[in-house]
Protein backbone atom coordinates (compact mmCIF):
# COMPACT_ATOMS: atom_id res chain seq x y z
CA MET A 1 9.43 -5.24 -1.87
CA PHE A 2 6.83 -3.91 -4.33
CA ASP A 3 7.48 -6.56 -6.98
CA TYR A 4 4.60 -6.57 -9.48
CA LYS A 5 5.74 -9.43 -11.69
CA GLY A 6 2.70 -11.59 -12.47
CA LYS A 7 0.31 -8.81 -11.42
CA VAL A 8 -2.21 -7.13 -13.72
CA VAL A 9 -2.84 -3.43 -13.19
CA LEU A 10 -5.69 -1.57 -14.89
CA VAL A 11 -5.38 2.22 -15.07
CA SER A 12 -8.26 4.30 -16.43
CA GLY A 13 -7.60 7.72 -17.92
CA ALA A 14 -4.12 6.55 -18.89
CA SER A 15 -3.74 8.30 -22.24
CA SER A 16 -1.98 11.26 -20.60
CA GLY A 17 -1.20 13.03 -17.35
CA LEU A 18 -1.20 11.27 -13.99
CA GLY A 19 -2.79 8.11 -15.41
CA ALA A 20 0.02 7.63 -17.92
CA GLN A 21 2.64 8.44 -15.28
CA MET A 22 1.28 5.86 -12.83
CA ALA A 23 0.96 3.22 -15.55
CA LYS A 24 4.65 3.67 -16.35
CA GLY A 25 5.46 3.50 -12.65
CA TYR A 26 3.75 0.12 -12.33
CA ALA A 27 5.48 -1.10 -15.50
CA LYS A 28 8.87 -0.33 -13.97
CA GLN A 29 7.90 -2.68 -11.12
CA GLY A 30 7.17 -5.48 -13.60
CA ALA A 31 3.37 -5.31 -13.85
CA THR A 32 1.29 -6.21 -16.89
CA LEU A 33 -0.72 -3.11 -17.78
CA ILE A 34 -4.22 -2.57 -19.07
CA ILE A 35 -4.67 1.09 -19.92
CA THR A 36 -8.00 2.63 -20.88
CA ALA A 37 -9.21 5.97 -22.17
CA ARG A 38 -11.31 7.40 -24.98
CA ARG A 39 -8.37 8.58 -27.09
CA VAL A 40 -7.08 5.39 -28.71
CA GLU A 41 -4.22 6.99 -30.63
CA LYS A 42 -2.78 8.48 -27.45
CA LEU A 43 -3.31 5.18 -25.61
CA GLU A 44 -1.33 3.36 -28.28
CA LYS A 45 1.58 5.77 -27.88
CA VAL A 46 1.60 5.30 -24.10
CA ALA A 47 1.41 1.52 -24.58
CA GLU A 48 4.48 1.64 -26.83
CA GLU A 49 6.41 3.52 -24.14
CA ILE A 50 5.29 1.06 -21.45
CA ARG A 51 6.36 -1.98 -23.47
CA LYS A 52 9.91 -0.60 -23.51
CA TYR A 53 10.10 -1.68 -19.86
CA GLY A 54 9.75 -5.29 -21.00
CA VAL A 55 6.15 -5.83 -19.90
CA ASN A 56 2.88 -6.48 -21.70
CA CYS A 57 0.49 -3.59 -22.13
CA TYR A 58 -3.04 -3.74 -23.52
CA PRO A 59 -4.66 -0.45 -24.57
CA ILE A 60 -8.47 -0.63 -24.55
CA LYS A 61 -10.83 2.16 -25.56
CA CYS A 62 -13.34 2.96 -22.82
CA ASP A 63 -15.64 5.84 -21.94
CA VAL A 64 -16.02 5.63 -18.16
CA THR A 65 -19.30 7.56 -18.28
CA ASP A 66 -20.91 4.93 -20.53
CA VAL A 67 -21.99 1.66 -18.89
CA GLU A 68 -21.99 -0.33 -22.13
CA SER A 69 -18.48 0.87 -22.97
CA ILE A 70 -17.30 -0.25 -19.52
CA LYS A 71 -18.94 -3.66 -19.91
CA ASN A 72 -17.29 -4.12 -23.31
CA MET A 73 -13.94 -3.14 -21.80
CA THR A 74 -14.47 -5.62 -18.97
CA GLU A 75 -15.15 -8.48 -21.39
CA GLU A 76 -11.99 -7.61 -23.31
CA VAL A 77 -10.02 -7.60 -20.05
CA LYS A 78 -11.33 -11.08 -19.22
CA SER A 79 -10.27 -12.38 -22.62
CA LYS A 80 -6.77 -10.86 -22.44
CA THR A 81 -5.66 -11.30 -18.82
CA LYS A 82 -8.50 -13.14 -17.00
CA LYS A 83 -7.82 -11.11 -13.86
CA VAL A 84 -7.19 -7.64 -12.47
CA ASP A 85 -5.05 -7.38 -9.36
CA VAL A 86 -5.05 -3.59 -9.13
CA LEU A 87 -7.60 -1.08 -10.40
CA VAL A 88 -6.62 2.59 -10.52
CA ASN A 89 -9.64 4.82 -11.15
CA CYS A 90 -7.91 7.88 -12.59
CA ALA A 91 -10.15 9.00 -15.47
CA GLY A 92 -11.93 12.30 -14.96
CA SER A 93 -12.67 15.78 -16.18
CA ALA A 94 -14.46 18.84 -14.85
CA LYS A 95 -16.28 22.03 -15.73
CA ASN A 96 -15.11 24.85 -13.49
CA ALA A 97 -17.61 27.37 -12.16
CA GLY A 98 -18.93 28.65 -8.84
CA VAL A 99 -22.14 27.75 -7.07
CA LEU A 100 -23.92 30.91 -8.24
CA SER A 101 -22.99 30.60 -11.90
CA MET A 102 -22.63 26.88 -12.64
CA THR A 103 -25.20 25.45 -15.06
CA ASP A 104 -27.07 22.21 -14.55
CA GLU A 105 -25.20 20.72 -17.51
CA GLU A 106 -21.79 21.66 -16.09
CA TRP A 107 -22.71 20.19 -12.71
CA ASP A 108 -24.07 16.94 -14.17
CA PHE A 109 -21.05 16.50 -16.46
CA THR A 110 -18.58 16.89 -13.59
CA ILE A 111 -20.42 14.66 -11.13
CA LYS A 112 -20.87 11.90 -13.71
CA THR A 113 -17.31 12.07 -15.02
CA ASP A 114 -15.48 12.42 -11.70
CA MET A 115 -17.67 10.43 -9.30
CA THR A 116 -20.38 8.28 -10.90
CA SER A 117 -17.87 6.83 -13.36
CA LEU A 118 -15.89 5.33 -10.46
CA PHE A 119 -18.98 3.46 -9.34
CA TYR A 120 -19.55 2.10 -12.86
CA VAL A 121 -15.96 0.86 -13.28
CA THR A 122 -15.56 -0.44 -9.71
CA ARG A 123 -18.79 -2.41 -9.98
CA GLU A 124 -17.59 -4.32 -13.06
CA ILE A 125 -13.92 -4.79 -12.20
CA GLY A 126 -14.79 -5.51 -8.56
CA LYS A 127 -16.70 -8.58 -9.72
CA ILE A 128 -13.53 -9.92 -11.36
CA MET A 129 -11.59 -9.30 -8.15
CA LYS A 130 -14.24 -11.07 -6.08
CA GLU A 131 -14.02 -14.13 -8.33
CA ASN A 132 -10.24 -14.18 -7.91
CA GLY A 133 -10.43 -13.71 -4.15
CA CYS A 134 -8.35 -10.56 -3.90
CA GLY A 135 -7.78 -7.11 -5.29
CA ARG A 136 -6.60 -3.56 -4.76
CA ILE A 137 -8.76 -0.59 -5.75
CA ILE A 138 -7.17 2.86 -5.80
CA ASN A 139 -9.33 5.91 -6.43
CA ILE A 140 -7.69 9.14 -7.55
CA ALA A 141 -9.55 11.85 -5.66
CA SER A 142 -8.05 15.29 -5.02
CA MET A 143 -6.96 17.49 -2.17
CA TYR A 144 -9.96 19.57 -3.29
CA GLY A 145 -12.14 16.72 -2.06
CA MET A 146 -10.87 17.44 1.46
CA VAL A 147 -10.98 21.26 1.55
CA GLY A 148 -12.34 24.31 -0.22
CA ASN A 149 -10.12 26.75 -2.09
CA MET A 150 -9.83 30.44 -2.93
CA ALA A 151 -7.83 30.11 -6.14
CA MET A 152 -10.69 29.17 -8.46
CA ASP A 153 -14.42 28.50 -8.40
CA THR A 154 -15.01 24.79 -9.03
CA VAL A 155 -17.85 23.69 -6.77
CA ALA A 156 -18.83 20.53 -8.66
CA TYR A 157 -15.23 19.28 -8.68
CA HIS A 158 -14.96 19.76 -4.90
CA THR A 159 -18.25 17.91 -4.50
CA SER A 160 -17.38 15.00 -6.78
CA LYS A 161 -13.97 14.43 -5.23
CA GLY A 162 -15.43 14.61 -1.74
CA GLY A 163 -17.86 11.92 -2.87
CA VAL A 164 -14.98 9.81 -4.17
CA ILE A 165 -13.36 9.94 -0.73
CA ASN A 166 -16.39 8.57 1.09
CA PHE A 167 -17.14 6.16 -1.77
CA THR A 168 -13.67 4.80 -1.03
CA ARG A 169 -14.47 4.25 2.63
CA ALA A 170 -17.79 2.59 1.81
CA VAL A 171 -16.22 0.21 -0.72
CA ALA A 172 -13.35 -0.57 1.68
CA ALA A 173 -15.82 -1.63 4.36
CA GLU A 174 -18.06 -3.56 1.97
CA LEU A 175 -15.46 -5.51 0.00
CA ALA A 176 -13.01 -6.34 2.79
CA LYS A 177 -14.70 -9.73 3.21
CA TYR A 178 -13.55 -10.61 -0.31
CA ASN A 179 -9.92 -9.65 0.46
CA ILE A 180 -10.31 -6.51 -1.65
CA THR A 181 -8.85 -3.25 -0.34
CA CYS A 182 -9.92 0.22 -1.44
CA ASN A 183 -7.94 3.39 -0.84
CA ALA A 184 -7.82 6.92 -2.23
CA ILE A 185 -4.99 9.19 -3.25
CA CYS A 186 -5.60 12.94 -3.10
CA PRO A 187 -3.14 14.69 -5.42
CA GLY A 188 -2.34 18.34 -5.06
CA TYR A 189 -1.21 20.55 -7.92
CA PHE A 190 0.59 18.41 -10.51
CA ASP A 191 2.08 19.45 -13.81
CA THR A 192 0.11 17.74 -16.62
CA GLU A 193 -1.01 18.71 -20.10
CA LEU A 194 -4.27 20.04 -18.60
CA THR A 195 -2.70 22.13 -15.83
CA HIS A 196 0.68 23.20 -17.22
CA ASP A 197 -0.34 26.56 -18.68
CA THR A 198 -1.97 27.57 -15.39
CA LEU A 199 0.76 26.34 -13.06
CA ILE A 200 3.59 28.17 -14.80
CA THR A 201 1.98 31.62 -14.57
CA ASP A 202 3.56 34.09 -12.18
CA GLU A 203 0.28 34.48 -10.31
CA PHE A 204 -0.18 30.77 -9.65
CA THR A 205 3.48 30.26 -8.82
CA ALA A 206 3.14 32.93 -6.14
CA TYR A 207 -0.09 31.31 -4.90
CA MET A 208 1.60 27.92 -4.56
CA LYS A 209 4.51 29.42 -2.65
CA ALA A 210 2.02 30.96 -0.23
CA THR A 211 -0.25 27.92 0.22
CA VAL A 212 1.87 24.79 -0.40
CA PRO A 213 4.44 24.16 2.37
CA LEU A 214 6.89 22.62 -0.13
CA GLY A 215 6.39 25.74 -2.27
CA ARG A 216 5.88 24.06 -5.63
CA TYR A 217 3.68 21.77 -7.71
CA GLY A 218 4.18 18.03 -7.99
CA LYS A 219 6.63 16.81 -10.60
CA GLU A 220 6.19 13.93 -13.05
CA GLY A 221 6.38 10.61 -11.21
CA GLU A 222 5.91 11.97 -7.69
CA LEU A 223 2.48 10.35 -7.41
CA ASN A 224 3.76 6.92 -8.45
CA ALA A 225 5.17 5.84 -5.09
CA ALA A 226 1.78 6.22 -3.38
CA ALA A 227 0.04 4.23 -6.12
CA ILE A 228 2.68 1.48 -6.09
CA PHE A 229 2.48 1.19 -2.29
CA LEU A 230 -1.33 1.02 -2.11
CA GLY A 231 -1.52 -1.57 -4.89
CA SER A 232 1.17 -3.80 -3.44
CA GLU A 233 1.07 -7.07 -1.53
CA GLU A 234 2.81 -5.24 1.30
CA ALA A 235 -0.21 -2.93 1.74
CA SER A 236 -2.55 -5.85 2.46
CA TYR A 237 -3.69 -4.36 5.80
CA VAL A 238 -4.28 -0.84 4.45
CA THR A 239 -7.86 -0.14 3.41
CA GLY A 240 -10.14 2.89 3.62
CA ALA A 241 -7.10 5.17 3.77
CA ILE A 242 -7.14 8.67 2.26
CA LEU A 243 -3.61 9.67 1.31
CA PRO A 244 -2.88 13.29 0.33
CA VAL A 245 0.09 13.78 -1.99
CA ASP A 246 -0.08 17.55 -2.08
CA GLY A 247 3.16 19.07 -0.83
CA GLY A 248 1.48 19.75 2.50
CA TYR A 249 -1.44 21.85 1.16
CA THR A 250 -4.03 20.12 3.38
CA ALA A 251 -1.76 20.18 6.42
CA ILE A 252 -2.25 23.93 7.00
């Protein structure tokens, strides 16, 4: 099961963090990887690590908030692999502030980067999948798209990830006729270069023990199984699903 030999997987936001981890997870299953991000030097380093698993990996620079950049990336994908079997929309960023203090610029940046960008990329790569008669789209949302929180004020992030969840359902319903599935993964607290300094503090460690049933943050690679499952041939009847991988945070 879960053999990806002959499959092409595109992961956005793959220069670090969860994107890089999932890309490596797919590589271990034999997939050909296309990894995109804005930071080319970091992409190249990740690509070198992925190729050690004996698979091809194509790093392509792409700004997911820029339509022309996405179209250029799509043309390069067509020239290199001619197909995309699995799209993982992982790229994102956010400005954290509360509803009473957030600026218009911070709101617009977060919504465009974390939600509108998924529409841009899915629109272009979805056309390739339609031509090929099949595809798997996996959107990386967040447990914060399902609930509020009392640890930090980040209203635009909650809003954007909630939008990603229902975007997923809408796309699942719309593209099913083309044999394209669309599902979302909602990660909880994971240790990445962006979150590490916060997660290791005594205050946040105590907060996680109080709010996460498993009592800890997610470790490197613990998101990969969900991504591999949802992108697989075996998950052909799973679409519109919202899968939390959060240590139980949204269960209580």
